[in-house]
Amino acid sequence: MRSLKVKFQVTYCNLGRGSRIPTILDRRSKLFFLIRNFKKQNNMTLKEKINADFMTAFKSKNMVAKSILSVVKGEIQTVEKNTGSDNLSDAEVTKILTKTVKSLKETITLANDEKSKLELAVIEVYLPKQMSKEEVTSKVTELVNSGITQIGAIMKEFASLPADKKMVSEVIKEVVG
């Protein structure tokens, strides 16, 4: 088995209104991944965006984006088949993406793989912006000051918020103590 060593650089293209997408460049500065018609995609569901971006990656021969988006598409199809519904909501697709990000982060910590880092950059585009540790700490202290001191009750407050649950748990243990 032959391994290729190619240096990649991940940058972000600003598309207005705070929208950013990853642009993956190799050392020859050829553009591999750029989502076409991004402004048209603002009205699309998350599943439709993933399908459109998969086709763009397929046509532009971006193997990194194509492989990870095909994995995500497969997971979506599996969940749809198991639930018997044709269209998943954006929240359900976000759960699938979160699960994929979690497994990619584990792979990065274990193997420190460049391909996994690039795949993570591709997937994170579809997730909502996560809360920072400072925002989580201020929310936890606000809840503790209002009289909620049980860890389970505080975690319920973060159930619908876009925050890393592991980080939330660590902050709660620090604040509550």
N, C-alpha and C. Protein backbone atom coordinates (compact mmCIF):
# COMPACT_ATOMS: atom_id res chain seq x y z
N MET A 1 0.84 -1.18 0.00
CA MET A 1 0.00 0.00 0.00
C MET A 1 0.88 1.23 0.00
N ARG A 2 0.62 2.13 -0.90
CA ARG A 2 1.41 3.34 -1.07
C ARG A 2 0.71 4.51 -0.39
N SER A 3 1.44 5.27 0.37
CA SER A 3 0.85 6.44 1.01
C SER A 3 1.39 7.70 0.35
N LEU A 4 0.54 8.65 0.21
CA LEU A 4 0.92 9.92 -0.40
C LEU A 4 1.07 10.97 0.67
N LYS A 5 2.12 11.74 0.57
CA LYS A 5 2.32 12.82 1.51
C LYS A 5 2.10 14.13 0.76
N VAL A 6 0.97 14.74 1.01
CA VAL A 6 0.63 16.01 0.37
C VAL A 6 0.28 16.99 1.48
N LYS A 7 0.87 18.15 1.43
CA LYS A 7 0.56 19.17 2.42
C LYS A 7 -0.67 19.93 1.97
N PHE A 8 -1.61 20.07 2.88
CA PHE A 8 -2.81 20.82 2.60
C PHE A 8 -2.84 22.04 3.50
N GLN A 9 -3.51 23.05 3.03
CA GLN A 9 -3.72 24.25 3.81
C GLN A 9 -5.22 24.53 3.80
N VAL A 10 -5.81 24.63 4.97
CA VAL A 10 -7.23 24.92 5.07
C VAL A 10 -7.39 26.40 5.36
N THR A 11 -8.07 27.09 4.46
CA THR A 11 -8.38 28.49 4.68
C THR A 11 -9.89 28.63 4.59
N TYR A 12 -10.38 29.80 4.86
CA TYR A 12 -11.82 30.02 4.82
C TYR A 12 -12.13 31.17 3.87
N CYS A 13 -13.14 30.98 3.05
CA CYS A 13 -13.61 32.03 2.14
C CYS A 13 -14.80 32.72 2.78
N ASN A 14 -14.78 34.03 2.85
CA ASN A 14 -15.92 34.78 3.36
C ASN A 14 -16.87 35.03 2.20
N LEU A 15 -18.15 34.71 2.41
CA LEU A 15 -19.14 34.87 1.37
C LEU A 15 -20.20 35.90 1.73
N GLY A 16 -19.91 36.75 2.68
CA GLY A 16 -20.87 37.77 3.08
C GLY A 16 -21.83 37.25 4.12
N ARG A 17 -22.41 38.11 4.87
CA ARG A 17 -23.36 37.79 5.94
C ARG A 17 -22.79 36.80 6.94
N GLY A 18 -21.50 36.83 7.17
CA GLY A 18 -20.88 35.97 8.17
C GLY A 18 -20.73 34.53 7.73
N SER A 19 -20.98 34.21 6.47
CA SER A 19 -20.88 32.84 5.99
C SER A 19 -19.44 32.54 5.61
N ARG A 20 -18.94 31.41 6.09
CA ARG A 20 -17.59 30.99 5.76
C ARG A 20 -17.63 29.52 5.34
N ILE A 21 -16.85 29.18 4.34
CA ILE A 21 -16.74 27.80 3.94
C ILE A 21 -15.27 27.44 3.85
N PRO A 22 -14.91 26.18 4.12
CA PRO A 22 -13.50 25.84 4.04
C PRO A 22 -13.06 25.72 2.58
N THR A 23 -11.89 26.18 2.32
CA THR A 23 -11.28 26.03 1.01
C THR A 23 -10.00 25.26 1.23
N ILE A 24 -9.90 24.12 0.63
CA ILE A 24 -8.74 23.27 0.85
C ILE A 24 -7.80 23.42 -0.34
N LEU A 25 -6.59 23.86 -0.06
CA LEU A 25 -5.60 24.10 -1.10
C LEU A 25 -4.43 23.14 -0.90
N ASP A 26 -3.88 22.59 -1.98
CA ASP A 26 -2.66 21.83 -1.82
C ASP A 26 -1.49 22.78 -2.04
N ARG A 27 -0.28 22.25 -2.01
CA ARG A 27 0.88 23.14 -2.06
C ARG A 27 1.03 23.83 -3.41
N ARG A 28 0.38 23.33 -4.44
CA ARG A 28 0.41 23.99 -5.75
C ARG A 28 -0.71 25.02 -5.85
N SER A 29 -1.42 25.25 -4.79
CA SER A 29 -2.48 26.25 -4.69
C SER A 29 -3.62 26.04 -5.68
N LYS A 30 -3.94 24.78 -5.95
CA LYS A 30 -5.11 24.51 -6.77
C LYS A 30 -6.31 24.43 -5.85
N LEU A 31 -7.35 25.05 -6.25
CA LEU A 31 -8.57 25.05 -5.45
C LEU A 31 -9.28 23.73 -5.62
N PHE A 32 -9.48 23.00 -4.50
CA PHE A 32 -10.13 21.70 -4.57
C PHE A 32 -11.60 21.76 -4.16
N PHE A 33 -11.90 22.60 -3.20
CA PHE A 33 -13.25 22.52 -2.67
C PHE A 33 -13.83 23.91 -2.48
N LEU A 34 -14.83 24.22 -3.24
CA LEU A 34 -15.53 25.49 -3.08
C LEU A 34 -16.99 25.22 -3.38
N ILE A 35 -17.83 25.53 -2.46
CA ILE A 35 -19.24 25.23 -2.63
C ILE A 35 -19.84 26.22 -3.61
N ARG A 36 -20.39 25.66 -4.71
CA ARG A 36 -21.00 26.50 -5.73
C ARG A 36 -22.38 26.95 -5.30
N ASN A 37 -22.74 28.09 -5.80
CA ASN A 37 -24.08 28.63 -5.59
C ASN A 37 -24.45 28.66 -4.10
N PHE A 38 -23.54 29.18 -3.29
CA PHE A 38 -23.76 29.18 -1.84
C PHE A 38 -24.99 30.00 -1.46
N LYS A 39 -25.22 31.11 -2.15
CA LYS A 39 -26.36 31.95 -1.81
C LYS A 39 -27.68 31.25 -2.10
N LYS A 40 -27.71 30.40 -3.12
CA LYS A 40 -28.92 29.63 -3.40
C LYS A 40 -29.16 28.58 -2.33
N GLN A 41 -28.09 28.11 -1.71
CA GLN A 41 -28.20 27.04 -0.73
C GLN A 41 -28.71 27.52 0.62
N ASN A 42 -28.82 28.81 0.84
CA ASN A 42 -29.30 29.31 2.11
C ASN A 42 -30.73 28.87 2.40
N ASN A 43 -31.54 28.61 1.37
CA ASN A 43 -32.92 28.20 1.56
C ASN A 43 -33.07 26.68 1.58
N MET A 44 -32.00 25.96 1.41
CA MET A 44 -32.06 24.51 1.35
C MET A 44 -31.99 23.91 2.75
N THR A 45 -32.51 22.67 2.88
CA THR A 45 -32.35 21.97 4.15
C THR A 45 -30.91 21.50 4.24
N LEU A 46 -30.53 21.08 5.42
CA LEU A 46 -29.17 20.63 5.65
C LEU A 46 -28.85 19.39 4.80
N LYS A 47 -29.81 18.50 4.69
CA LYS A 47 -29.62 17.30 3.87
C LYS A 47 -29.40 17.67 2.41
N GLU A 48 -30.17 18.61 1.90
CA GLU A 48 -30.02 19.05 0.51
C GLU A 48 -28.67 19.72 0.28
N LYS A 49 -28.20 20.50 1.26
CA LYS A 49 -26.88 21.13 1.15
C LYS A 49 -25.78 20.08 1.08
N ILE A 50 -25.90 19.05 1.92
CA ILE A 50 -24.89 17.99 1.93
C ILE A 50 -24.88 17.26 0.59
N ASN A 51 -26.07 16.97 0.05
CA ASN A 51 -26.14 16.30 -1.24
C ASN A 51 -25.55 17.17 -2.36
N ALA A 52 -25.86 18.46 -2.35
CA ALA A 52 -25.33 19.37 -3.37
C ALA A 52 -23.81 19.49 -3.26
N ASP A 53 -23.31 19.59 -2.03
CA ASP A 53 -21.87 19.70 -1.83
C ASP A 53 -21.15 18.41 -2.18
N PHE A 54 -21.81 17.27 -1.97
CA PHE A 54 -21.24 15.98 -2.38
C PHE A 54 -21.06 15.96 -3.90
N MET A 55 -22.07 16.41 -4.62
CA MET A 55 -21.98 16.43 -6.08
C MET A 55 -20.89 17.40 -6.55
N THR A 56 -20.75 18.53 -5.87
CA THR A 56 -19.70 19.49 -6.21
C THR A 56 -18.32 18.88 -5.97
N ALA A 57 -18.16 18.20 -4.84
CA ALA A 57 -16.89 17.56 -4.53
C ALA A 57 -16.60 16.42 -5.51
N PHE A 58 -17.63 15.71 -5.89
CA PHE A 58 -17.49 14.62 -6.85
C PHE A 58 -17.03 15.15 -8.21
N LYS A 59 -17.65 16.23 -8.66
CA LYS A 59 -17.31 16.80 -9.96
C LYS A 59 -15.92 17.44 -9.96
N SER A 60 -15.53 18.02 -8.83
CA SER A 60 -14.21 18.66 -8.76
C SER A 60 -13.11 17.69 -8.33
N LYS A 61 -13.47 16.41 -8.16
CA LYS A 61 -12.52 15.35 -7.80
C LYS A 61 -11.81 15.62 -6.48
N ASN A 62 -12.55 16.18 -5.54
CA ASN A 62 -12.03 16.40 -4.19
C ASN A 62 -12.31 15.14 -3.38
N MET A 63 -11.31 14.29 -3.24
CA MET A 63 -11.51 12.99 -2.62
C MET A 63 -11.79 13.09 -1.12
N VAL A 64 -11.21 14.08 -0.45
CA VAL A 64 -11.42 14.21 1.00
C VAL A 64 -12.87 14.57 1.29
N ALA A 65 -13.37 15.61 0.63
CA ALA A 65 -14.75 16.04 0.86
C ALA A 65 -15.73 14.98 0.37
N LYS A 66 -15.43 14.37 -0.76
CA LYS A 66 -16.33 13.35 -1.32
C LYS A 66 -16.45 12.16 -0.37
N SER A 67 -15.34 11.72 0.19
CA SER A 67 -15.39 10.54 1.06
C SER A 67 -16.17 10.82 2.35
N ILE A 68 -15.93 11.96 2.99
CA ILE A 68 -16.61 12.22 4.26
C ILE A 68 -18.08 12.55 4.03
N LEU A 69 -18.39 13.25 2.94
CA LEU A 69 -19.80 13.55 2.67
C LEU A 69 -20.56 12.29 2.26
N SER A 70 -19.89 11.34 1.62
CA SER A 70 -20.57 10.08 1.30
C SER A 70 -20.85 9.28 2.56
N VAL A 71 -19.96 9.36 3.54
CA VAL A 71 -20.20 8.70 4.84
C VAL A 71 -21.42 9.33 5.52
N VAL A 72 -21.48 10.64 5.51
CA VAL A 72 -22.61 11.35 6.14
C VAL A 72 -23.91 11.02 5.41
N LYS A 73 -23.86 11.01 4.07
CA LYS A 73 -25.06 10.66 3.30
C LYS A 73 -25.52 9.23 3.64
N GLY A 74 -24.58 8.32 3.79
CA GLY A 74 -24.92 6.95 4.16
C GLY A 74 -25.57 6.86 5.53
N GLU A 75 -25.04 7.62 6.48
CA GLU A 75 -25.64 7.66 7.82
C GLU A 75 -27.06 8.22 7.77
N ILE A 76 -27.25 9.26 6.98
CA ILE A 76 -28.59 9.85 6.84
C ILE A 76 -29.55 8.84 6.25
N GLN A 77 -29.11 8.14 5.20
CA GLN A 77 -29.96 7.13 4.57
C GLN A 77 -30.29 5.99 5.53
N THR A 78 -29.32 5.59 6.36
CA THR A 78 -29.56 4.53 7.34
C THR A 78 -30.60 4.95 8.36
N VAL A 79 -30.50 6.17 8.85
CA VAL A 79 -31.47 6.67 9.83
C VAL A 79 -32.84 6.79 9.19
N GLU A 80 -32.89 7.28 7.95
CA GLU A 80 -34.17 7.38 7.26
C GLU A 80 -34.81 6.01 7.07
N LYS A 81 -34.00 5.04 6.74
CA LYS A 81 -34.51 3.68 6.53
C LYS A 81 -35.03 3.09 7.84
N ASN A 82 -34.29 3.32 8.92
CA ASN A 82 -34.70 2.78 10.23
C ASN A 82 -35.95 3.45 10.78
N THR A 83 -36.10 4.75 10.52
CA THR A 83 -37.27 5.46 11.04
C THR A 83 -38.46 5.39 10.10
N GLY A 84 -38.21 5.09 8.83
CA GLY A 84 -39.29 5.00 7.86
C GLY A 84 -39.72 6.34 7.28
N SER A 85 -38.95 7.38 7.50
CA SER A 85 -39.29 8.69 6.95
C SER A 85 -38.35 9.01 5.79
N ASP A 86 -38.85 9.82 4.86
CA ASP A 86 -38.04 10.18 3.70
C ASP A 86 -37.15 11.38 3.95
N ASN A 87 -37.63 12.32 4.73
CA ASN A 87 -36.86 13.54 4.99
C ASN A 87 -36.62 13.70 6.48
N LEU A 88 -35.35 13.81 6.84
CA LEU A 88 -35.00 14.09 8.23
C LEU A 88 -35.00 15.59 8.45
N SER A 89 -35.31 15.99 9.66
CA SER A 89 -35.25 17.41 9.99
C SER A 89 -33.79 17.83 10.13
N ASP A 90 -33.56 19.13 10.12
CA ASP A 90 -32.20 19.63 10.28
C ASP A 90 -31.61 19.24 11.63
N ALA A 91 -32.45 19.15 12.66
CA ALA A 91 -31.97 18.76 13.99
C ALA A 91 -31.46 17.32 13.98
N GLU A 92 -32.17 16.43 13.28
CA GLU A 92 -31.73 15.03 13.21
C GLU A 92 -30.44 14.90 12.40
N VAL A 93 -30.32 15.67 11.32
CA VAL A 93 -29.10 15.65 10.53
C VAL A 93 -27.94 16.23 11.34
N THR A 94 -28.22 17.23 12.15
CA THR A 94 -27.19 17.82 13.01
C THR A 94 -26.68 16.80 14.02
N LYS A 95 -27.58 15.95 14.55
CA LYS A 95 -27.15 14.89 15.46
C LYS A 95 -26.19 13.93 14.77
N ILE A 96 -26.51 13.59 13.52
CA ILE A 96 -25.63 12.69 12.75
C ILE A 96 -24.28 13.35 12.53
N LEU A 97 -24.28 14.63 12.17
CA LEU A 97 -23.03 15.36 11.96
C LEU A 97 -22.22 15.45 13.24
N THR A 98 -22.89 15.67 14.36
CA THR A 98 -22.21 15.75 15.65
C THR A 98 -21.54 14.43 15.99
N LYS A 99 -22.23 13.34 15.72
CA LYS A 99 -21.66 12.01 15.95
C LYS A 99 -20.43 11.79 15.07
N THR A 100 -20.50 12.24 13.83
CA THR A 100 -19.36 12.11 12.91
C THR A 100 -18.19 12.96 13.38
N VAL A 101 -18.46 14.17 13.82
CA VAL A 101 -17.40 15.05 14.33
C VAL A 101 -16.74 14.45 15.55
N LYS A 102 -17.54 13.86 16.42
CA LYS A 102 -16.99 13.24 17.63
C LYS A 102 -16.03 12.10 17.27
N SER A 103 -16.42 11.26 16.31
CA SER A 103 -15.54 10.16 15.92
C SER A 103 -14.28 10.67 15.22
N LEU A 104 -14.41 11.73 14.44
CA LEU A 104 -13.23 12.31 13.79
C LEU A 104 -12.27 12.91 14.81
N LYS A 105 -12.80 13.56 15.84
CA LYS A 105 -11.94 14.12 16.88
C LYS A 105 -11.21 13.03 17.64
N GLU A 106 -11.88 11.90 17.88
CA GLU A 106 -11.21 10.76 18.52
C GLU A 106 -10.09 10.23 17.64
N THR A 107 -10.34 10.16 16.34
CA THR A 107 -9.32 9.70 15.40
C THR A 107 -8.13 10.64 15.40
N ILE A 108 -8.40 11.93 15.46
CA ILE A 108 -7.31 12.91 15.46
C ILE A 108 -6.48 12.78 16.73
N THR A 109 -7.13 12.58 17.87
CA THR A 109 -6.36 12.47 19.12
C THR A 109 -5.54 11.18 19.16
N LEU A 110 -6.06 10.11 18.57
CA LEU A 110 -5.33 8.84 18.59
C LEU A 110 -4.23 8.78 17.53
N ALA A 111 -4.54 9.20 16.31
CA ALA A 111 -3.60 9.02 15.21
C ALA A 111 -2.98 10.31 14.68
N ASN A 112 -3.54 11.45 15.03
CA ASN A 112 -3.08 12.75 14.53
C ASN A 112 -2.98 12.73 13.01
N ASP A 113 -4.06 12.33 12.38
CA ASP A 113 -4.13 12.12 10.93
C ASP A 113 -4.53 13.40 10.23
N GLU A 114 -3.79 13.79 9.19
CA GLU A 114 -4.09 15.01 8.44
C GLU A 114 -5.41 14.90 7.69
N LYS A 115 -5.69 13.72 7.14
CA LYS A 115 -6.94 13.53 6.40
C LYS A 115 -8.14 13.74 7.32
N SER A 116 -8.05 13.26 8.54
CA SER A 116 -9.15 13.45 9.49
C SER A 116 -9.34 14.92 9.84
N LYS A 117 -8.25 15.67 9.92
CA LYS A 117 -8.35 17.10 10.18
C LYS A 117 -9.06 17.82 9.04
N LEU A 118 -8.76 17.42 7.81
CA LEU A 118 -9.42 18.03 6.66
C LEU A 118 -10.90 17.64 6.62
N GLU A 119 -11.19 16.38 6.92
CA GLU A 119 -12.59 15.94 6.96
C GLU A 119 -13.36 16.68 8.04
N LEU A 120 -12.72 16.91 9.18
CA LEU A 120 -13.36 17.66 10.25
C LEU A 120 -13.67 19.09 9.81
N ALA A 121 -12.75 19.71 9.07
CA ALA A 121 -12.98 21.07 8.57
C ALA A 121 -14.17 21.10 7.61
N VAL A 122 -14.33 20.04 6.81
CA VAL A 122 -15.45 19.99 5.87
C VAL A 122 -16.76 19.85 6.62
N ILE A 123 -16.81 18.98 7.63
CA ILE A 123 -18.05 18.69 8.36
C ILE A 123 -18.46 19.86 9.25
N GLU A 124 -17.50 20.55 9.86
CA GLU A 124 -17.83 21.63 10.79
C GLU A 124 -18.56 22.78 10.12
N VAL A 125 -18.50 22.88 8.80
CA VAL A 125 -19.22 23.93 8.08
C VAL A 125 -20.72 23.78 8.29
N TYR A 126 -21.21 22.57 8.40
CA TYR A 126 -22.64 22.31 8.48
C TYR A 126 -23.19 22.42 9.90
N LEU A 127 -22.33 22.45 10.89
CA LEU A 127 -22.78 22.53 12.28
C LEU A 127 -22.94 23.99 12.71
N PRO A 128 -23.87 24.24 13.64
CA PRO A 128 -23.98 25.61 14.16
C PRO A 128 -22.75 25.94 15.01
N LYS A 129 -22.47 27.21 15.14
CA LYS A 129 -21.31 27.65 15.91
C LYS A 129 -21.48 27.21 17.37
N GLN A 130 -20.47 26.54 17.90
CA GLN A 130 -20.51 26.05 19.27
C GLN A 130 -20.24 27.19 20.25
N MET A 131 -20.82 27.05 21.43
CA MET A 131 -20.60 28.04 22.48
C MET A 131 -19.17 27.94 22.99
N SER A 132 -18.58 29.08 23.31
CA SER A 132 -17.22 29.07 23.85
C SER A 132 -17.26 28.70 25.33
N LYS A 133 -16.09 28.41 25.88
CA LYS A 133 -16.02 28.04 27.30
C LYS A 133 -16.45 29.20 28.19
N GLU A 134 -16.15 30.42 27.78
CA GLU A 134 -16.55 31.59 28.56
C GLU A 134 -18.07 31.74 28.57
N GLU A 135 -18.70 31.53 27.43
CA GLU A 135 -20.16 31.61 27.37
C GLU A 135 -20.81 30.53 28.23
N VAL A 136 -20.25 29.34 28.20
CA VAL A 136 -20.79 28.23 29.00
C VAL A 136 -20.61 28.55 30.48
N THR A 137 -19.45 29.07 30.85
CA THR A 137 -19.19 29.40 32.25
C THR A 137 -20.15 30.48 32.75
N SER A 138 -20.39 31.49 31.95
CA SER A 138 -21.30 32.56 32.38
C SER A 138 -22.73 32.02 32.51
N LYS A 139 -23.16 31.16 31.60
CA LYS A 139 -24.50 30.57 31.66
C LYS A 139 -24.63 29.68 32.90
N VAL A 140 -23.60 28.89 33.21
CA VAL A 140 -23.63 28.01 34.38
C VAL A 140 -23.67 28.83 35.66
N THR A 141 -22.85 29.87 35.76
CA THR A 141 -22.87 30.70 36.97
C THR A 141 -24.20 31.41 37.12
N GLU A 142 -24.79 31.81 36.01
CA GLU A 142 -26.12 32.43 36.04
C GLU A 142 -27.16 31.45 36.58
N LEU A 143 -27.09 30.19 36.13
CA LEU A 143 -28.03 29.18 36.60
C LEU A 143 -27.80 28.84 38.07
N VAL A 144 -26.54 28.77 38.49
CA VAL A 144 -26.23 28.47 39.89
C VAL A 144 -26.71 29.61 40.78
N ASN A 145 -26.52 30.85 40.34
CA ASN A 145 -26.97 32.01 41.12
C ASN A 145 -28.49 32.08 41.22
N SER A 146 -29.20 31.50 40.22
CA SER A 146 -30.66 31.49 40.27
C SER A 146 -31.20 30.37 41.15
N GLY A 147 -30.32 29.50 41.66
CA GLY A 147 -30.75 28.47 42.60
C GLY A 147 -30.68 27.04 42.08
N ILE A 148 -30.31 26.85 40.85
CA ILE A 148 -30.19 25.50 40.30
C ILE A 148 -28.77 25.01 40.56
N THR A 149 -28.63 23.97 41.41
CA THR A 149 -27.30 23.47 41.74
C THR A 149 -27.10 22.01 41.35
N GLN A 150 -28.16 21.33 40.93
CA GLN A 150 -28.01 19.94 40.53
C GLN A 150 -27.45 19.86 39.11
N ILE A 151 -26.50 18.95 38.92
CA ILE A 151 -25.83 18.84 37.63
C ILE A 151 -26.82 18.46 36.53
N GLY A 152 -27.72 17.55 36.82
CA GLY A 152 -28.70 17.11 35.83
C GLY A 152 -29.61 18.23 35.36
N ALA A 153 -30.04 19.06 36.29
CA ALA A 153 -30.91 20.18 35.94
C ALA A 153 -30.17 21.21 35.09
N ILE A 154 -28.91 21.44 35.40
CA ILE A 154 -28.12 22.39 34.60
C ILE A 154 -27.87 21.82 33.21
N MET A 155 -27.59 20.52 33.11
CA MET A 155 -27.36 19.89 31.81
C MET A 155 -28.62 19.96 30.93
N LYS A 156 -29.81 19.88 31.56
CA LYS A 156 -31.05 19.98 30.79
C LYS A 156 -31.17 21.35 30.13
N GLU A 157 -30.66 22.38 30.80
CA GLU A 157 -30.70 23.72 30.22
C GLU A 157 -29.83 23.82 28.96
N PHE A 158 -28.78 23.00 28.90
CA PHE A 158 -27.88 23.02 27.75
C PHE A 158 -28.26 22.00 26.68
N ALA A 159 -29.33 21.25 26.89
CA ALA A 159 -29.70 20.19 25.94
C ALA A 159 -29.99 20.73 24.55
N SER A 160 -30.63 21.87 24.46
CA SER A 160 -30.99 22.41 23.15
C SER A 160 -29.99 23.45 22.64
N LEU A 161 -28.99 23.78 23.43
CA LEU A 161 -28.01 24.78 23.03
C LEU A 161 -26.84 24.13 22.29
N PRO A 162 -26.24 24.83 21.34
CA PRO A 162 -25.10 24.27 20.61
C PRO A 162 -23.81 24.38 21.42
N ALA A 163 -23.63 23.44 22.33
CA ALA A 163 -22.44 23.43 23.17
C ALA A 163 -21.94 22.00 23.30
N ASP A 164 -20.64 21.85 23.44
CA ASP A 164 -20.04 20.54 23.64
C ASP A 164 -20.41 20.07 25.04
N LYS A 165 -21.13 18.96 25.11
CA LYS A 165 -21.66 18.48 26.39
C LYS A 165 -20.56 18.08 27.36
N LYS A 166 -19.45 17.58 26.85
CA LYS A 166 -18.33 17.20 27.71
C LYS A 166 -17.73 18.44 28.36
N MET A 167 -17.58 19.51 27.58
CA MET A 167 -17.05 20.76 28.12
C MET A 167 -18.03 21.35 29.14
N VAL A 168 -19.33 21.26 28.85
CA VAL A 168 -20.35 21.77 29.78
C VAL A 168 -20.26 21.04 31.10
N SER A 169 -20.10 19.73 31.04
CA SER A 169 -20.00 18.93 32.26
C SER A 169 -18.78 19.32 33.08
N GLU A 170 -17.64 19.54 32.41
CA GLU A 170 -16.43 19.96 33.11
C GLU A 170 -16.59 21.34 33.76
N VAL A 171 -17.23 22.26 33.07
CA VAL A 171 -17.45 23.61 33.61
C VAL A 171 -18.39 23.54 34.81
N ILE A 172 -19.44 22.71 34.72
CA ILE A 172 -20.36 22.57 35.84
C ILE A 172 -19.63 22.06 37.07
N LYS A 173 -18.77 21.07 36.89
CA LYS A 173 -18.02 20.52 38.02
C LYS A 173 -17.09 21.54 38.62
N GLU A 174 -16.50 22.42 37.78
CA GLU A 174 -15.64 23.48 38.29
C GLU A 174 -16.42 24.51 39.08
N VAL A 175 -17.59 24.92 38.56
CA VAL A 175 -18.35 25.99 39.18
C VAL A 175 -19.09 25.50 40.43
N VAL A 176 -19.78 24.35 40.28
CA VAL A 176 -20.56 23.83 41.41
C VAL A 176 -19.64 23.24 42.46
N GLY A 177 -18.65 22.55 41.99
CA GLY A 177 -17.64 22.12 42.79
C GLY A 177 -17.36 21.07 43.62
